[in-house]
Amino acid sequence: MNKYLKRGLLLIVPGIGFNILGYAIKQNEWGPYGWAMILGTILFGAGFLFVFYSLVRKVEYKGLVEERAAEAEKKEQRKAERKALRRNRERKLQVNNMT
């Protein structure tokens, strides 16, 4: 669990709590309830954005790892091909020198 996911969850929980508090204040007619609902909505929205951002980062990281692995594999293939070409050249030179 990364820091953005933790922050997101820590903001979502009080956001839901403030929204529930706002609905309770409204239902029981205890007074102005808008402040609780506004604060709850802002906290919930910020928490949702943090959670979404953590998921985007995770997907992007996996993509980078896969891309780097593919590049490393291509590099190894090119290295092996160059090595094989050198061996072939050396063999041809040896054959030419023998004749």
PDB file of N, CA and C in Angstrom:
ATOM      1  N   MET A   1       0.853  -1.165   0.000  1.00  0.00           N
ATOM      2  CA  MET A   1       0.000   0.000   0.000  1.00  0.00           C
ATOM      3  C   MET A   1       0.906   1.238   0.000  1.00  0.00           C
ATOM      4  N   ASN A   2       0.813   2.046  -1.050  1.00  0.00           N
ATOM      5  CA  ASN A   2       1.676   3.216  -1.133  1.00  0.00           C
ATOM      6  C   ASN A   2       1.060   4.414  -0.411  1.00  0.00           C
ATOM      7  N   LYS A   3       1.843   5.498  -0.349  1.00  0.00           N
ATOM      8  CA  LYS A   3       1.410   6.646   0.453  1.00  0.00           C
ATOM      9  C   LYS A   3       0.162   7.311  -0.113  1.00  0.00           C
ATOM     10  N   TYR A   4      -0.024   7.287  -1.431  1.00  0.00           N
ATOM     11  CA  TYR A   4      -1.199   7.928  -2.020  1.00  0.00           C
ATOM     12  C   TYR A   4      -2.476   7.144  -1.713  1.00  0.00           C
ATOM     13  N   LEU A   5      -2.371   5.838  -1.703  1.00  0.00           N
ATOM     14  CA  LEU A   5      -3.529   5.013  -1.354  1.00  0.00           C
ATOM     15  C   LEU A   5      -3.901   5.211   0.115  1.00  0.00           C
ATOM     16  N   LYS A   6      -2.889   5.262   0.984  1.00  0.00           N
ATOM     17  CA  LYS A   6      -3.154   5.495   2.406  1.00  0.00           C
ATOM     18  C   LYS A   6      -3.822   6.851   2.621  1.00  0.00           C
ATOM     19  N   ARG A   7      -3.269   7.885   1.989  1.00  0.00           N
ATOM     20  CA  ARG A   7      -3.847   9.224   2.138  1.00  0.00           C
ATOM     21  C   ARG A   7      -5.275   9.260   1.604  1.00  0.00           C
ATOM     22  N   GLY A   8      -5.485   8.598   0.494  1.00  0.00           N
ATOM     23  CA  GLY A   8      -6.819   8.573  -0.094  1.00  0.00           C
ATOM     24  C   GLY A   8      -7.833   7.927   0.826  1.00  0.00           C
ATOM     25  N   LEU A   9      -7.463   6.784   1.383  1.00  0.00           N
ATOM     26  CA  LEU A   9      -8.382   6.099   2.297  1.00  0.00           C
ATOM     27  C   LEU A   9      -8.602   6.901   3.577  1.00  0.00           C
ATOM     28  N   LEU A  10      -7.537   7.580   4.038  1.00  0.00           N
ATOM     29  CA  LEU A  10      -7.677   8.405   5.239  1.00  0.00           C
ATOM     30  C   LEU A  10      -8.531   9.649   4.987  1.00  0.00           C
ATOM     31  N   LEU A  11      -8.670  10.064   3.757  1.00  0.00           N
ATOM     32  CA  LEU A  11      -9.552  11.192   3.437  1.00  0.00           C
ATOM     33  C   LEU A  11     -10.975  10.730   3.123  1.00  0.00           C
ATOM     34  N   ILE A  12     -11.106   9.557   2.551  1.00  0.00           N
ATOM     35  CA  ILE A  12     -12.441   9.051   2.197  1.00  0.00           C
ATOM     36  C   ILE A  12     -13.270   8.764   3.446  1.00  0.00           C
ATOM     37  N   VAL A  13     -12.647   8.159   4.441  1.00  0.00           N
ATOM     38  CA  VAL A  13     -13.392   7.778   5.655  1.00  0.00           C
ATOM     39  C   VAL A  13     -13.995   8.998   6.356  1.00  0.00           C
ATOM     40  N   PRO A  14     -13.226  10.060   6.657  1.00  0.00           N
ATOM     41  CA  PRO A  14     -13.871  11.224   7.275  1.00  0.00           C
ATOM     42  C   PRO A  14     -14.845  11.917   6.334  1.00  0.00           C
ATOM     43  N   GLY A  15     -14.583  11.838   5.031  1.00  0.00           N
ATOM     44  CA  GLY A  15     -15.519  12.424   4.071  1.00  0.00           C
ATOM     45  C   GLY A  15     -16.888  11.777   4.165  1.00  0.00           C
ATOM     46  N   ILE A  16     -16.895  10.466   4.232  1.00  0.00           N
ATOM     47  CA  ILE A  16     -18.168   9.745   4.388  1.00  0.00           C
ATOM     48  C   ILE A  16     -18.794  10.087   5.738  1.00  0.00           C
ATOM     49  N   GLY A  17     -17.951  10.168   6.769  1.00  0.00           N
ATOM     50  CA  GLY A  17     -18.453  10.501   8.102  1.00  0.00           C
ATOM     51  C   GLY A  17     -19.108  11.876   8.152  1.00  0.00           C
ATOM     52  N   PHE A  18     -18.480  12.870   7.533  1.00  0.00           N
ATOM     53  CA  PHE A  18     -19.069  14.216   7.526  1.00  0.00           C
ATOM     54  C   PHE A  18     -20.358  14.262   6.711  1.00  0.00           C
ATOM     55  N   ASN A  19     -20.414  13.505   5.630  1.00  0.00           N
ATOM     56  CA  ASN A  19     -21.663  13.462   4.859  1.00  0.00           C
ATOM     57  C   ASN A  19     -22.782  12.816   5.671  1.00  0.00           C
ATOM     58  N   ILE A  20     -22.474  11.753   6.377  1.00  0.00           N
ATOM     59  CA  ILE A  20     -23.481  11.113   7.237  1.00  0.00           C
ATOM     60  C   ILE A  20     -23.913  12.078   8.341  1.00  0.00           C
ATOM     61  N   LEU A  21     -22.943  12.789   8.920  1.00  0.00           N
ATOM     62  CA  LEU A  21     -23.265  13.783   9.943  1.00  0.00           C
ATOM     63  C   LEU A  21     -24.176  14.871   9.372  1.00  0.00           C
ATOM     64  N   GLY A  22     -23.872  15.323   8.155  1.00  0.00           N
ATOM     65  CA  GLY A  22     -24.712  16.338   7.511  1.00  0.00           C
ATOM     66  C   GLY A  22     -26.135  15.853   7.301  1.00  0.00           C
ATOM     67  N   TYR A  23     -26.277  14.614   6.853  1.00  0.00           N
ATOM     68  CA  TYR A  23     -27.629  14.059   6.675  1.00  0.00           C
ATOM     69  C   TYR A  23     -28.357  13.925   8.014  1.00  0.00           C
ATOM     70  N   ALA A  24     -27.630  13.550   9.067  1.00  0.00           N
ATOM     71  CA  ALA A  24     -28.253  13.426  10.390  1.00  0.00           C
ATOM     72  C   ALA A  24     -28.708  14.792  10.901  1.00  0.00           C
ATOM     73  N   ILE A  25     -27.874  15.806  10.714  1.00  0.00           N
ATOM     74  CA  ILE A  25     -28.246  17.165  11.134  1.00  0.00           C
ATOM     75  C   ILE A  25     -29.469  17.636  10.357  1.00  0.00           C
ATOM     76  N   LYS A  26     -29.492  17.357   9.074  1.00  0.00           N
ATOM     77  CA  LYS A  26     -30.622  17.770   8.231  1.00  0.00           C
ATOM     78  C   LYS A  26     -31.905  17.051   8.649  1.00  0.00           C
ATOM     79  N   GLN A  27     -31.794  15.755   8.874  1.00  0.00           N
ATOM     80  CA  GLN A  27     -32.979  14.954   9.190  1.00  0.00           C
ATOM     81  C   GLN A  27     -33.571  15.336  10.551  1.00  0.00           C
ATOM     82  N   ASN A  28     -32.717  15.608  11.505  1.00  0.00           N
ATOM     83  CA  ASN A  28     -33.194  15.940  12.848  1.00  0.00           C
ATOM     84  C   ASN A  28     -33.415  17.438  13.044  1.00  0.00           C
ATOM     85  N   GLU A  29     -33.150  18.211  12.006  1.00  0.00           N
ATOM     86  CA  GLU A  29     -33.332  19.664  12.029  1.00  0.00           C
ATOM     87  C   GLU A  29     -32.603  20.304  13.206  1.00  0.00           C
ATOM     88  N   TRP A  30     -31.316  19.982  13.348  1.00  0.00           N
ATOM     89  CA  TRP A  30     -30.506  20.526  14.426  1.00  0.00           C
ATOM     90  C   TRP A  30     -29.883  21.866  14.066  1.00  0.00           C
ATOM     91  N   GLY A  31     -30.017  22.284  12.854  1.00  0.00           N
ATOM     92  CA  GLY A  31     -29.437  23.557  12.442  1.00  0.00           C
ATOM     93  C   GLY A  31     -28.821  23.437  11.059  1.00  0.00           C
ATOM     94  N   PRO A  32     -27.911  24.359  10.768  1.00  0.00           N
ATOM     95  CA  PRO A  32     -27.281  24.340   9.435  1.00  0.00           C
ATOM     96  C   PRO A  32     -26.429  23.076   9.245  1.00  0.00           C
ATOM     97  N   TYR A  33     -26.714  22.390   8.187  1.00  0.00           N
ATOM     98  CA  TYR A  33     -26.039  21.116   7.913  1.00  0.00           C
ATOM     99  C   TYR A  33     -25.101  21.210   6.710  1.00  0.00           C
ATOM    100  N   GLY A  34     -25.158  22.323   6.004  1.00  0.00           N
ATOM    101  CA  GLY A  34     -24.390  22.456   4.762  1.00  0.00           C
ATOM    102  C   GLY A  34     -22.894  22.349   4.958  1.00  0.00           C
ATOM    103  N   TRP A  35     -22.378  22.902   6.054  1.00  0.00           N
ATOM    104  CA  TRP A  35     -20.938  22.877   6.280  1.00  0.00           C
ATOM    105  C   TRP A  35     -20.416  21.447   6.359  1.00  0.00           C
ATOM    106  N   ALA A  36     -21.173  20.587   7.028  1.00  0.00           N
ATOM    107  CA  ALA A  36     -20.732  19.191   7.171  1.00  0.00           C
ATOM    108  C   ALA A  36     -20.763  18.473   5.827  1.00  0.00           C
ATOM    109  N   MET A  37     -21.791  18.733   5.038  1.00  0.00           N
ATOM    110  CA  MET A  37     -21.898  18.049   3.743  1.00  0.00           C
ATOM    111  C   MET A  37     -20.853  18.572   2.758  1.00  0.00           C
ATOM    112  N   ILE A  38     -20.592  19.877   2.794  1.00  0.00           N
ATOM    113  CA  ILE A  38     -19.568  20.436   1.900  1.00  0.00           C
ATOM    114  C   ILE A  38     -18.197  19.875   2.258  1.00  0.00           C
ATOM    115  N   LEU A  39     -17.871  19.897   3.538  1.00  0.00           N
ATOM    116  CA  LEU A  39     -16.583  19.366   3.981  1.00  0.00           C
ATOM    117  C   LEU A  39     -16.466  17.873   3.659  1.00  0.00           C
ATOM    118  N   GLY A  40     -17.537  17.131   3.872  1.00  0.00           N
ATOM    119  CA  GLY A  40     -17.528  15.703   3.562  1.00  0.00           C
ATOM    120  C   GLY A  40     -17.321  15.435   2.086  1.00  0.00           C
ATOM    121  N   THR A  41     -17.975  16.236   1.247  1.00  0.00           N
ATOM    122  CA  THR A  41     -17.830  16.057  -0.199  1.00  0.00           C
ATOM    123  C   THR A  41     -16.413  16.391  -0.653  1.00  0.00           C
ATOM    124  N   ILE A  42     -15.841  17.458  -0.104  1.00  0.00           N
ATOM    125  CA  ILE A  42     -14.469  17.841  -0.472  1.00  0.00           C
ATOM    126  C   ILE A  42     -13.478  16.765  -0.031  1.00  0.00           C
ATOM    127  N   LEU A  43     -13.617  16.288   1.200  1.00  0.00           N
ATOM    128  CA  LEU A  43     -12.707  15.246   1.686  1.00  0.00           C
ATOM    129  C   LEU A  43     -12.850  13.957   0.881  1.00  0.00           C
ATOM    130  N   PHE A  44     -14.084  13.572   0.600  1.00  0.00           N
ATOM    131  CA  PHE A  44     -14.306  12.352  -0.176  1.00  0.00           C
ATOM    132  C   PHE A  44     -13.722  12.497  -1.581  1.00  0.00           C
ATOM    133  N   GLY A  45     -13.938  13.647  -2.207  1.00  0.00           N
ATOM    134  CA  GLY A  45     -13.408  13.872  -3.556  1.00  0.00           C
ATOM    135  C   GLY A  45     -11.895  13.833  -3.589  1.00  0.00           C
ATOM    136  N   ALA A  46     -11.259  14.497  -2.613  1.00  0.00           N
ATOM    137  CA  ALA A  46      -9.796  14.477  -2.556  1.00  0.00           C
ATOM    138  C   ALA A  46      -9.290  13.053  -2.318  1.00  0.00           C
ATOM    139  N   GLY A  47      -9.951  12.328  -1.442  1.00  0.00           N
ATOM    140  CA  GLY A  47      -9.555  10.940  -1.183  1.00  0.00           C
ATOM    141  C   GLY A  47      -9.695  10.070  -2.415  1.00  0.00           C
ATOM    142  N   PHE A  48     -10.783  10.266  -3.144  1.00  0.00           N
ATOM    143  CA  PHE A  48     -10.989   9.505  -4.374  1.00  0.00           C
ATOM    144  C   PHE A  48      -9.883   9.807  -5.381  1.00  0.00           C
ATOM    145  N   LEU A  49      -9.511  11.086  -5.501  1.00  0.00           N
ATOM    146  CA  LEU A  49      -8.436  11.446  -6.431  1.00  0.00           C
ATOM    147  C   LEU A  49      -7.109  10.809  -6.030  1.00  0.00           C
ATOM    148  N   PHE A  50      -6.817  10.785  -4.740  1.00  0.00           N
ATOM    149  CA  PHE A  50      -5.580  10.142  -4.286  1.00  0.00           C
ATOM    150  C   PHE A  50      -5.584   8.648  -4.606  1.00  0.00           C
ATOM    151  N   VAL A  51      -6.691   7.978  -4.359  1.00  0.00           N
ATOM    152  CA  VAL A  51      -6.782   6.538  -4.645  1.00  0.00           C
ATOM    153  C   VAL A  51      -6.640   6.294  -6.144  1.00  0.00           C
ATOM    154  N   PHE A  52      -7.312   7.097  -6.947  1.00  0.00           N
ATOM    155  CA  PHE A  52      -7.227   6.955  -8.400  1.00  0.00           C
ATOM    156  C   PHE A  52      -5.796   7.186  -8.876  1.00  0.00           C
ATOM    157  N   TYR A  53      -5.138   8.206  -8.330  1.00  0.00           N
ATOM    158  CA  TYR A  53      -3.755   8.496  -8.706  1.00  0.00           C
ATOM    159  C   TYR A  53      -2.828   7.337  -8.336  1.00  0.00           C
ATOM    160  N   SER A  54      -3.056   6.718  -7.191  1.00  0.00           N
ATOM    161  CA  SER A  54      -2.216   5.583  -6.802  1.00  0.00           C
ATOM    162  C   SER A  54      -2.382   4.424  -7.778  1.00  0.00           C
ATOM    163  N   LEU A  55      -3.606   4.201  -8.261  1.00  0.00           N
ATOM    164  CA  LEU A  55      -3.835   3.132  -9.237  1.00  0.00           C
ATOM    165  C   LEU A  55      -3.171   3.454 -10.570  1.00  0.00           C
ATOM    166  N   VAL A  56      -3.234   4.714 -10.990  1.00  0.00           N
ATOM    167  CA  VAL A  56      -2.589   5.121 -12.246  1.00  0.00           C
ATOM    168  C   VAL A  56      -1.082   4.928 -12.141  1.00  0.00           C
ATOM    169  N   ARG A  57      -0.506   5.320 -11.008  1.00  0.00           N
ATOM    170  CA  ARG A  57       0.937   5.142 -10.814  1.00  0.00           C
ATOM    171  C   ARG A  57       1.325   3.665 -10.870  1.00  0.00           C
ATOM    172  N   LYS A  58       0.500   2.818 -10.277  1.00  0.00           N
ATOM    173  CA  LYS A  58       0.790   1.385 -10.260  1.00  0.00           C
ATOM    174  C   LYS A  58       0.796   0.815 -11.677  1.00  0.00           C
ATOM    175  N   VAL A  59      -0.203   1.175 -12.463  1.00  0.00           N
ATOM    176  CA  VAL A  59      -0.287   0.686 -13.841  1.00  0.00           C
ATOM    177  C   VAL A  59       0.885   1.218 -14.659  1.00  0.00           C
ATOM    178  N   GLU A  60       1.214   2.494 -14.476  1.00  0.00           N
ATOM    179  CA  GLU A  60       2.323   3.095 -15.218  1.00  0.00           C
ATOM    180  C   GLU A  60       3.644   2.427 -14.849  1.00  0.00           C
ATOM    181  N   TYR A  61       3.832   2.120 -13.574  1.00  0.00           N
ATOM    182  CA  TYR A  61       5.054   1.464 -13.127  1.00  0.00           C
ATOM    183  C   TYR A  61       5.196   0.084 -13.759  1.00  0.00           C
ATOM    184  N   LYS A  62       4.104  -0.665 -13.784  1.00  0.00           N
ATOM    185  CA  LYS A  62       4.153  -1.997 -14.395  1.00  0.00           C
ATOM    186  C   LYS A  62       4.492  -1.901 -15.880  1.00  0.00           C
ATOM    187  N   GLY A  63       3.952  -0.900 -16.550  1.00  0.00           N
ATOM    188  CA  GLY A  63       4.254  -0.700 -17.962  1.00  0.00           C
ATOM    189  C   GLY A  63       5.724  -0.386 -18.177  1.00  0.00           C
ATOM    190  N   LEU A  64       6.300   0.452 -17.313  1.00  0.00           N
ATOM    191  CA  LEU A  64       7.720   0.778 -17.425  1.00  0.00           C
ATOM    192  C   LEU A  64       8.596  -0.445 -17.193  1.00  0.00           C
ATOM    193  N   VAL A  65       8.231  -1.255 -16.227  1.00  0.00           N
ATOM    194  CA  VAL A  65       9.009  -2.466 -15.944  1.00  0.00           C
ATOM    195  C   VAL A  65       8.975  -3.407 -17.144  1.00  0.00           C
ATOM    196  N   GLU A  66       7.798  -3.590 -17.733  1.00  0.00           N
ATOM    197  CA  GLU A  66       7.682  -4.458 -18.909  1.00  0.00           C
ATOM    198  C   GLU A  66       8.482  -3.901 -20.081  1.00  0.00           C
ATOM    199  N   GLU A  67       8.422  -2.591 -20.269  1.00  0.00           N
ATOM    200  CA  GLU A  67       9.156  -1.964 -21.370  1.00  0.00           C
ATOM    201  C   GLU A  67      10.660  -2.131 -21.185  1.00  0.00           C
ATOM    202  N   ARG A  68      11.136  -1.940 -19.969  1.00  0.00           N
ATOM    203  CA  ARG A  68      12.569  -2.098 -19.704  1.00  0.00           C
ATOM    204  C   ARG A  68      13.009  -3.543 -19.893  1.00  0.00           C
ATOM    205  N   ALA A  69      12.168  -4.482 -19.507  1.00  0.00           N
ATOM    206  CA  ALA A  69      12.506  -5.893 -19.690  1.00  0.00           C
ATOM    207  C   ALA A  69      12.601  -6.228 -21.176  1.00  0.00           C
ATOM    208  N   ALA A  70      11.685  -5.683 -21.974  1.00  0.00           N
ATOM    209  CA  ALA A  70      11.718  -5.927 -23.420  1.00  0.00           C
ATOM    210  C   ALA A  70      12.971  -5.316 -24.036  1.00  0.00           C
ATOM    211  N   GLU A  71      13.341  -4.110 -23.596  1.00  0.00           N
ATOM    212  CA  GLU A  71      14.553  -3.475 -24.115  1.00  0.00           C
ATOM    213  C   GLU A  71      15.799  -4.273 -23.742  1.00  0.00           C
ATOM    214  N   ALA A  72      15.847  -4.783 -22.524  1.00  0.00           N
ATOM    215  CA  ALA A  72      16.996  -5.580 -22.094  1.00  0.00           C
ATOM    216  C   ALA A  72      17.090  -6.868 -22.908  1.00  0.00           C
ATOM    217  N   GLU A  73      15.942  -7.468 -23.201  1.00  0.00           N
ATOM    218  CA  GLU A  73      15.931  -8.689 -24.006  1.00  0.00           C
ATOM    219  C   GLU A  73      16.435  -8.408 -25.422  1.00  0.00           C
ATOM    220  N   LYS A  74      15.999  -7.307 -26.013  1.00  0.00           N
ATOM    221  CA  LYS A  74      16.466  -6.942 -27.357  1.00  0.00           C
ATOM    222  C   LYS A  74      17.966  -6.681 -27.350  1.00  0.00           C
ATOM    223  N   LYS A  75      18.447  -6.030 -26.296  1.00  0.00           N
ATOM    224  CA  LYS A  75      19.873  -5.738 -26.190  1.00  0.00           C
ATOM    225  C   LYS A  75      20.679  -7.031 -26.122  1.00  0.00           C
ATOM    226  N   GLU A  76      20.197  -7.998 -25.352  1.00  0.00           N
ATOM    227  CA  GLU A  76      20.877  -9.287 -25.255  1.00  0.00           C
ATOM    228  C   GLU A  76      20.877 -10.013 -26.600  1.00  0.00           C
ATOM    229  N   GLN A  77      19.769  -9.940 -27.333  1.00  0.00           N
ATOM    230  CA  GLN A  77      19.698 -10.579 -28.649  1.00  0.00           C
ATOM    231  C   GLN A  77      20.700  -9.943 -29.613  1.00  0.00           C
ATOM    232  N   ARG A  78      20.776  -8.611 -29.606  1.00  0.00           N
ATOM    233  CA  ARG A  78      21.736  -7.928 -30.488  1.00  0.00           C
ATOM    234  C   ARG A  78      23.164  -8.300 -30.126  1.00  0.00           C
ATOM    235  N   LYS A  79      23.427  -8.394 -28.828  1.00  0.00           N
ATOM    236  CA  LYS A  79      24.761  -8.762 -28.372  1.00  0.00           C
ATOM    237  C   LYS A  79      25.118 -10.172 -28.840  1.00  0.00           C
ATOM    238  N   ALA A  80      24.178 -11.101 -28.736  1.00  0.00           N
ATOM    239  CA  ALA A  80      24.415 -12.477 -29.182  1.00  0.00           C
ATOM    240  C   ALA A  80      24.614 -12.528 -30.697  1.00  0.00           C
ATOM    241  N   GLU A  81      23.841 -11.731 -31.439  1.00  0.00           N
ATOM    242  CA  GLU A  81      24.000 -11.699 -32.897  1.00  0.00           C
ATOM    243  C   GLU A  81      25.372 -11.162 -33.284  1.00  0.00           C
ATOM    244  N   ARG A  82      25.823 -10.090 -32.617  1.00  0.00           N
ATOM    245  CA  ARG A  82      27.149  -9.537 -32.912  1.00  0.00           C
ATOM    246  C   ARG A  82      28.249 -10.551 -32.602  1.00  0.00           C
ATOM    247  N   LYS A  83      28.079 -11.273 -31.510  1.00  0.00           N
ATOM    248  CA  LYS A  83      29.064 -12.279 -31.133  1.00  0.00           C
ATOM    249  C   LYS A  83      29.126 -13.386 -32.186  1.00  0.00           C
ATOM    250  N   ALA A  84      27.969 -13.809 -32.677  1.00  0.00           N
ATOM    251  CA  ALA A  84      27.921 -14.845 -33.714  1.00  0.00           C
ATOM    252  C   ALA A  84      28.562 -14.342 -35.004  1.00  0.00           C
ATOM    253  N   LEU A  85      28.327 -13.086 -35.364  1.00  0.00           N
ATOM    254  CA  LEU A  85      28.944 -12.527 -36.570  1.00  0.00           C
ATOM    255  C   LEU A  85      30.465 -12.481 -36.436  1.00  0.00           C
ATOM    256  N   ARG A  86      30.961 -12.112 -35.271  1.00  0.00           N
ATOM    257  CA  ARG A  86      32.411 -12.076 -35.054  1.00  0.00           C
ATOM    258  C   ARG A  86      33.016 -13.470 -35.212  1.00  0.00           C
ATOM    259  N   ARG A  87      32.343 -14.467 -34.644  1.00  0.00           N
ATOM    260  CA  ARG A  87      32.835 -15.839 -34.762  1.00  0.00           C
ATOM    261  C   ARG A  87      32.891 -16.269 -36.221  1.00  0.00           C
ATOM    262  N   ASN A  88      31.844 -15.952 -36.973  1.00  0.00           N
ATOM    263  CA  ASN A  88      31.821 -16.321 -38.392  1.00  0.00           C
ATOM    264  C   ASN A  88      32.947 -15.641 -39.149  1.00  0.00           C
ATOM    265  N   ARG A  89      33.190 -14.361 -38.870  1.00  0.00           N
ATOM    266  CA  ARG A  89      34.287 -13.648 -39.546  1.00  0.00           C
ATOM    267  C   ARG A  89      35.635 -14.279 -39.214  1.00  0.00           C
ATOM    268  N   GLU A  90      35.824 -14.598 -37.932  1.00  0.00           N
ATOM    269  CA  GLU A  90      37.089 -15.211 -37.524  1.00  0.00           C
ATOM    270  C   GLU A  90      37.290 -16.559 -38.207  1.00  0.00           C
ATOM    271  N   ARG A  91      36.243 -17.353 -38.330  1.00  0.00           N
ATOM    272  CA  ARG A  91      36.339 -18.652 -38.999  1.00  0.00           C
ATOM    273  C   ARG A  91      36.676 -18.478 -40.473  1.00  0.00           C
ATOM    274  N   LYS A  92      36.040 -17.504 -41.104  1.00  0.00           N
ATOM    275  CA  LYS A  92      36.328 -17.259 -42.521  1.00  0.00           C
ATOM    276  C   LYS A  92      37.771 -16.818 -42.710  1.00  0.00           C
ATOM    277  N   LEU A  93      38.261 -15.967 -41.793  1.00  0.00           N
ATOM    278  CA  LEU A  93      39.655 -15.531 -41.886  1.00  0.00           C
ATOM    279  C   LEU A  93      40.608 -16.704 -41.694  1.00  0.00           C
ATOM    280  N   GLN A  94      40.283 -17.595 -40.768  1.00  0.00           N
ATOM    281  CA  GLN A  94      41.134 -18.755 -40.536  1.00  0.00           C
ATOM    282  C   GLN A  94      41.148 -19.663 -41.758  1.00  0.00           C
ATOM    283  N   VAL A  95      39.983 -19.854 -42.378  1.00  0.00           N
ATOM    284  CA  VAL A  95      39.895 -20.690 -43.575  1.00  0.00           C
ATOM    285  C   VAL A  95      40.689 -20.045 -44.706  1.00  0.00           C
ATOM    286  N   ASN A  96      40.571 -18.737 -44.868  1.00  0.00           N
ATOM    287  CA  ASN A  96      41.302 -18.031 -45.924  1.00  0.00           C
ATOM    288  C   ASN A  96      42.808 -18.075 -45.679  1.00  0.00           C
ATOM    289  N   ASN A  97      43.229 -18.004 -44.440  1.00  0.00           N
ATOM    290  CA  ASN A  97      44.653 -18.048 -44.119  1.00  0.00           C
ATOM    291  C   ASN A  97      45.234 -19.438 -44.348  1.00  0.00           C
ATOM    292  N   MET A  98      44.433 -20.471 -44.206  1.00  0.00           N
ATOM    293  CA  MET A  98      44.898 -21.837 -44.412  1.00  0.00           C
ATOM    294  C   MET A  98      45.124 -22.126 -45.893  1.00  0.00           C
ATOM    295  N   THR A  99      44.350 -21.475 -46.728  1.00  0.00           N
ATOM    296  CA  THR A  99      44.483 -21.771 -48.156  1.00  0.00           C
ATOM    297  C   THR A  99      45.531 -20.981 -48.836  1.00  0.00           C
TER     298      THR A  99
END
